[in-house]
Each structure stands twice: as C-alpha cells, then as structure tokens.
Amino acid sequence: AQIYVAADAARMGVSPGSTVLLFLLIWIVSWGVLYFVVLKTPPGYVVGVVTAIVVAIAAWLFVKFIPVGQDDNHVLSIGIGGGFGIIMLMNVWGIIWRNNKRIIQGTLAGSPPANAAVLARQAFLASRTNFFLSVPMLFFMAASSHYTILGG
C-alpha cells in the first residue's frame, strides 16, 4: 500500500499512513458487519444483498474520504480491490478455516460437533461470498495500472 500512496503523499506533503489506516479501518469494519451476518446463517440471497450493500458503502467511503490520492486511479483502484481482498482474507481466516478446523477436530476425536451443520453452512456462505468478490477484486487490482476508471 505504501508504494501506491507514497508518491501522492509526497506530492501533497502529507503522511501516507492516514490513507493506509483509513483503508484498514473501512474494510475491517465492513468485514465485521459481514461476519455477524454470516453467523446468523441467513439464506444465501440475503448474504449476497448485504454483501453488495456493505462493499458498495465501503468503496464509497474509501473514495470519498481518502486523505491521499483522490485523483489517482492507482490508489483508488487498489484501495477498492484490496478492500475486497481484505474481506476475502478475513473470511478465510475468520470463518472458513476456523469452522472447518472445529469440524475436523471433532471428527478426528470420534464425532463431529453438534453444530457441525451450522459451522459448515457459515463456511459455505463465506466461501460463496469470496467467490462472488473474486472477479470484482481482480478487476480493480488490474484496473490500477491497465484501465483508468476512477481518476487520472
């Protein structure tokens, strides 16, 4: 992140850290919202709609309030694509792997946990969210240097 932000920060005479901290704050809070939705194990379409709304709001917040690089396609595209990537990473570490580990440990101990179906459903919803975020994430990451969409 510092690579993309540092040049604009130097040009503007400010620290790149504020942009990096805002990036992390927005996207980790967004994942927290999605985490609590997935824990409720709603129908898939509910997770899809909530995910679309949350990532749209998070992307808007990032573009609107970014301290450095408001006019730089690199910073904006990486900020959005990287945010999708942060959500995907947190889904794997915070939901998918943790739930699968519980199921595996219970099965190896003799019987799967009583809530194995709920754990599997949560992991499935997080995995499906990652699948749907993967193409937009790749688009925004590639758009940072190959396609001017958000700025000069």
C-alpha atoms as a PDB file:
ATOM      1  CA  ALA A   1       0.000   0.000   0.000  1.00  0.00           C
ATOM      2  CA  GLN A   2       2.817   2.385   0.793  1.00  0.00           C
ATOM      3  CA  ILE A   3       4.125   2.028  -2.776  1.00  0.00           C
ATOM      4  CA  TYR A   4       0.915   3.364  -4.300  1.00  0.00           C
ATOM      5  CA  VAL A   5       0.282   6.004  -1.654  1.00  0.00           C
ATOM      6  CA  ALA A   6       3.811   7.338  -1.068  1.00  0.00           C
ATOM      7  CA  ALA A   7       4.152   9.284  -4.335  1.00  0.00           C
ATOM      8  CA  ASP A   8       0.836  11.090  -3.883  1.00  0.00           C
ATOM      9  CA  ALA A   9       1.558  11.708  -0.205  1.00  0.00           C
ATOM     10  CA  ALA A  10       4.915  13.300  -1.063  1.00  0.00           C
ATOM     11  CA  ARG A  11       3.255  15.433  -3.742  1.00  0.00           C
ATOM     12  CA  MET A  12       0.602  16.582  -1.276  1.00  0.00           C
ATOM     13  CA  GLY A  13       3.028  16.977   1.631  1.00  0.00           C
ATOM     14  CA  VAL A  14       1.187  14.598   3.978  1.00  0.00           C
ATOM     15  CA  SER A  15       1.840  11.212   5.558  1.00  0.00           C
ATOM     16  CA  PRO A  16       0.751   8.110   3.630  1.00  0.00           C
ATOM     17  CA  GLY A  17      -0.151   6.425   6.915  1.00  0.00           C
ATOM     18  CA  SER A  18      -3.526   8.145   7.151  1.00  0.00           C
ATOM     19  CA  THR A  19      -4.668   6.584   3.884  1.00  0.00           C
ATOM     20  CA  VAL A  20      -3.434   3.140   4.907  1.00  0.00           C
ATOM     21  CA  LEU A  21      -5.158   3.398   8.293  1.00  0.00           C
ATOM     22  CA  LEU A  22      -8.422   4.572   6.712  1.00  0.00           C
ATOM     23  CA  PHE A  23      -8.199   1.683   4.231  1.00  0.00           C
ATOM     24  CA  LEU A  24      -7.757  -0.867   7.019  1.00  0.00           C
ATOM     25  CA  LEU A  25     -10.442   0.681   9.217  1.00  0.00           C
ATOM     26  CA  ILE A  26     -13.107   0.797   6.496  1.00  0.00           C
ATOM     27  CA  TRP A  27     -12.526  -2.705   5.170  1.00  0.00           C
ATOM     28  CA  ILE A  28     -12.065  -4.469   8.513  1.00  0.00           C
ATOM     29  CA  VAL A  29     -15.244  -2.857   9.879  1.00  0.00           C
ATOM     30  CA  SER A  30     -17.018  -3.907   6.662  1.00  0.00           C
ATOM     31  CA  TRP A  31     -15.862  -7.469   7.194  1.00  0.00           C
ATOM     32  CA  GLY A  32     -17.085  -7.288  10.797  1.00  0.00           C
ATOM     33  CA  VAL A  33     -20.571  -6.425   9.570  1.00  0.00           C
ATOM     34  CA  LEU A  34     -20.486  -9.317   7.094  1.00  0.00           C
ATOM     35  CA  TYR A  35     -19.128 -11.636   9.793  1.00  0.00           C
ATOM     36  CA  PHE A  36     -22.144 -11.029  12.021  1.00  0.00           C
ATOM     37  CA  VAL A  37     -24.491 -11.551   9.066  1.00  0.00           C
ATOM     38  CA  VAL A  38     -22.861 -14.891   8.198  1.00  0.00           C
ATOM     39  CA  LEU A  39     -23.013 -16.013  11.853  1.00  0.00           C
ATOM     40  CA  LYS A  40     -26.815 -15.769  11.657  1.00  0.00           C
ATOM     41  CA  THR A  41     -26.750 -18.213   8.679  1.00  0.00           C
ATOM     42  CA  PRO A  42     -29.445 -16.453   6.643  1.00  0.00           C
ATOM     43  CA  PRO A  43     -30.445 -17.578   3.144  1.00  0.00           C
ATOM     44  CA  GLY A  44     -27.766 -17.068   0.512  1.00  0.00           C
ATOM     45  CA  TYR A  45     -29.558 -14.233  -1.255  1.00  0.00           C
ATOM     46  CA  VAL A  46     -29.647 -12.235   1.993  1.00  0.00           C
ATOM     47  CA  VAL A  47     -25.880 -12.602   2.366  1.00  0.00           C
ATOM     48  CA  GLY A  48     -25.485 -11.563  -1.273  1.00  0.00           C
ATOM     49  CA  VAL A  49     -27.620  -8.444  -0.922  1.00  0.00           C
ATOM     50  CA  VAL A  50     -25.994  -7.423   2.362  1.00  0.00           C
ATOM     51  CA  THR A  51     -22.531  -8.018   0.887  1.00  0.00           C
ATOM     52  CA  ALA A  52     -23.329  -5.890  -2.162  1.00  0.00           C
ATOM     53  CA  ILE A  53     -24.616  -3.061   0.033  1.00  0.00           C
ATOM     54  CA  VAL A  54     -21.726  -3.237   2.509  1.00  0.00           C
ATOM     55  CA  VAL A  55     -18.967  -3.298  -0.132  1.00  0.00           C
ATOM     56  CA  ALA A  56     -20.643  -0.504  -2.105  1.00  0.00           C
ATOM     57  CA  ILE A  57     -20.808   1.673   1.010  1.00  0.00           C
ATOM     58  CA  ALA A  58     -17.230   0.781   1.980  1.00  0.00           C
ATOM     59  CA  ALA A  59     -15.938   1.591  -1.511  1.00  0.00           C
ATOM     60  CA  TRP A  60     -17.818   4.897  -1.493  1.00  0.00           C
ATOM     61  CA  LEU A  61     -16.431   5.784   1.942  1.00  0.00           C
ATOM     62  CA  PHE A  62     -12.903   4.989   0.794  1.00  0.00           C
ATOM     63  CA  VAL A  63     -13.191   7.046  -2.394  1.00  0.00           C
ATOM     64  CA  LYS A  64     -14.962   9.932  -0.636  1.00  0.00           C
ATOM     65  CA  PHE A  65     -12.771  10.280   2.450  1.00  0.00           C
ATOM     66  CA  ILE A  66      -9.348   9.084   1.311  1.00  0.00           C
ATOM     67  CA  PRO A  67      -6.761  11.615   2.536  1.00  0.00           C
ATOM     68  CA  VAL A  68      -4.200  10.900  -0.200  1.00  0.00           C
ATOM     69  CA  GLY A  69      -4.722  10.045  -3.866  1.00  0.00           C
ATOM     70  CA  GLN A  70      -8.253  11.298  -4.513  1.00  0.00           C
ATOM     71  CA  ASP A  71      -7.285  11.891  -8.142  1.00  0.00           C
ATOM     72  CA  ASP A  72      -5.076   8.837  -8.643  1.00  0.00           C
ATOM     73  CA  ASN A  73      -6.502   5.729 -10.285  1.00  0.00           C
ATOM     74  CA  HIS A  74      -3.764   3.582  -8.727  1.00  0.00           C
ATOM     75  CA  VAL A  75      -4.660   4.471  -5.152  1.00  0.00           C
ATOM     76  CA  LEU A  76      -8.416   4.317  -5.681  1.00  0.00           C
ATOM     77  CA  SER A  77      -8.468   1.046  -7.636  1.00  0.00           C
ATOM     78  CA  ILE A  78      -6.044  -0.721  -5.319  1.00  0.00           C
ATOM     79  CA  GLY A  79      -7.984   0.646  -2.342  1.00  0.00           C
ATOM     80  CA  ILE A  80     -11.219  -0.908  -3.567  1.00  0.00           C
ATOM     81  CA  GLY A  81      -9.748  -4.131  -4.968  1.00  0.00           C
ATOM     82  CA  GLY A  82      -7.506  -4.527  -1.950  1.00  0.00           C
ATOM     83  CA  GLY A  83     -10.516  -3.970   0.284  1.00  0.00           C
ATOM     84  CA  PHE A  84     -12.342  -6.813  -1.422  1.00  0.00           C
ATOM     85  CA  GLY A  85      -9.192  -8.881  -0.883  1.00  0.00           C
ATOM     86  CA  ILE A  86      -9.129  -7.980   2.831  1.00  0.00           C
ATOM     87  CA  ILE A  87     -12.734  -9.158   3.177  1.00  0.00           C
ATOM     88  CA  MET A  88     -11.866 -12.385   1.370  1.00  0.00           C
ATOM     89  CA  LEU A  89      -8.784 -12.937   3.550  1.00  0.00           C
ATOM     90  CA  MET A  90     -10.737 -12.335   6.736  1.00  0.00           C
ATOM     91  CA  ASN A  91     -13.478 -14.708   5.537  1.00  0.00           C
ATOM     92  CA  VAL A  92     -10.908 -17.470   5.122  1.00  0.00           C
ATOM     93  CA  TRP A  93      -9.086 -16.849   8.393  1.00  0.00           C
ATOM     94  CA  GLY A  94     -12.056 -15.786  10.485  1.00  0.00           C
ATOM     95  CA  ILE A  95     -14.808 -18.098   9.288  1.00  0.00           C
ATOM     96  CA  ILE A  96     -13.907 -20.806   6.770  1.00  0.00           C
ATOM     97  CA  TRP A  97     -10.695 -22.159   8.274  1.00  0.00           C
ATOM     98  CA  ARG A  98     -11.829 -21.752  11.882  1.00  0.00           C
ATOM     99  CA  ASN A  99     -15.119 -23.581  11.266  1.00  0.00           C
ATOM    100  CA  ASN A 100     -13.515 -26.324   9.183  1.00  0.00           C
ATOM    101  CA  LYS A 101     -10.874 -26.826  11.867  1.00  0.00           C
ATOM    102  CA  ARG A 102     -13.599 -27.336  14.505  1.00  0.00           C
ATOM    103  CA  ILE A 103     -15.383 -29.871  12.320  1.00  0.00           C
ATOM    104  CA  ILE A 104     -12.142 -31.728  11.525  1.00  0.00           C
ATOM    105  CA  GLN A 105     -11.022 -31.806  15.168  1.00  0.00           C
ATOM    106  CA  GLY A 106     -14.412 -33.083  16.300  1.00  0.00           C
ATOM    107  CA  THR A 107     -14.486 -35.756  13.622  1.00  0.00           C
ATOM    108  CA  LEU A 108     -10.961 -36.910  14.471  1.00  0.00           C
ATOM    109  CA  ALA A 109     -11.959 -37.070  18.150  1.00  0.00           C
ATOM    110  CA  GLY A 110     -14.748 -39.507  17.323  1.00  0.00           C
ATOM    111  CA  SER A 111     -17.799 -37.482  16.411  1.00  0.00           C
ATOM    112  CA  PRO A 112     -18.330 -34.157  14.691  1.00  0.00           C
ATOM    113  CA  PRO A 113     -19.538 -31.284  16.859  1.00  0.00           C
ATOM    114  CA  ALA A 114     -23.269 -30.991  17.432  1.00  0.00           C
ATOM    115  CA  ASN A 115     -23.370 -27.753  15.455  1.00  0.00           C
ATOM    116  CA  ALA A 116     -21.345 -29.107  12.519  1.00  0.00           C
ATOM    117  CA  ALA A 117     -24.132 -28.315  10.050  1.00  0.00           C
ATOM    118  CA  VAL A 118     -24.249 -24.674  11.186  1.00  0.00           C
ATOM    119  CA  LEU A 119     -20.459 -24.389  11.041  1.00  0.00           C
ATOM    120  CA  ALA A 120     -20.456 -25.887   7.542  1.00  0.00           C
ATOM    121  CA  ARG A 121     -23.214 -23.508   6.415  1.00  0.00           C
ATOM    122  CA  GLN A 122     -21.294 -20.488   7.740  1.00  0.00           C
ATOM    123  CA  ALA A 123     -18.133 -21.638   5.957  1.00  0.00           C
ATOM    124  CA  PHE A 124     -20.143 -22.165   2.778  1.00  0.00           C
ATOM    125  CA  LEU A 125     -21.663 -18.669   2.921  1.00  0.00           C
ATOM    126  CA  ALA A 126     -18.240 -17.092   3.482  1.00  0.00           C
ATOM    127  CA  SER A 127     -16.774 -19.164   0.654  1.00  0.00           C
ATOM    128  CA  ARG A 128     -19.567 -18.162  -1.712  1.00  0.00           C
ATOM    129  CA  THR A 129     -19.032 -14.511  -0.759  1.00  0.00           C
ATOM    130  CA  ASN A 130     -15.347 -14.913  -1.642  1.00  0.00           C
ATOM    131  CA  PHE A 131     -16.278 -16.446  -4.981  1.00  0.00           C
ATOM    132  CA  PHE A 132     -18.522 -13.526  -5.901  1.00  0.00           C
ATOM    133  CA  LEU A 133     -15.977 -10.931  -4.740  1.00  0.00           C
ATOM    134  CA  SER A 134     -13.088 -12.533  -6.647  1.00  0.00           C
ATOM    135  CA  VAL A 135     -13.873 -11.145 -10.128  1.00  0.00           C
ATOM    136  CA  PRO A 136     -14.503  -7.548  -8.964  1.00  0.00           C
ATOM    137  CA  MET A 137     -11.363  -7.785  -6.821  1.00  0.00           C
ATOM    138  CA  LEU A 138      -9.268  -8.879  -9.790  1.00  0.00           C
ATOM    139  CA  PHE A 139     -10.828  -6.184 -11.976  1.00  0.00           C
ATOM    140  CA  PHE A 140      -9.988  -3.374  -9.569  1.00  0.00           C
ATOM    141  CA  MET A 141      -6.491  -4.702  -8.921  1.00  0.00           C
ATOM    142  CA  ALA A 142      -5.808  -4.856 -12.676  1.00  0.00           C
ATOM    143  CA  ALA A 143      -7.523  -1.516 -13.294  1.00  0.00           C
ATOM    144  CA  SER A 144      -4.970   0.201 -11.107  1.00  0.00           C
ATOM    145  CA  SER A 145      -2.413   0.089 -13.902  1.00  0.00           C
ATOM    146  CA  HIS A 146      -4.266  -1.011 -17.021  1.00  0.00           C
ATOM    147  CA  TYR A 147      -7.550   0.871 -17.103  1.00  0.00           C
ATOM    148  CA  THR A 148      -8.305   4.349 -15.898  1.00  0.00           C
ATOM    149  CA  ILE A 149     -11.680   4.136 -14.207  1.00  0.00           C
ATOM    150  CA  LEU A 150     -11.526   6.309 -11.104  1.00  0.00           C
ATOM    151  CA  GLY A 151      -9.109   9.114 -11.870  1.00  0.00           C
ATOM    152  CA  GLY A 152      -6.025  10.259 -13.761  1.00  0.00           C
END
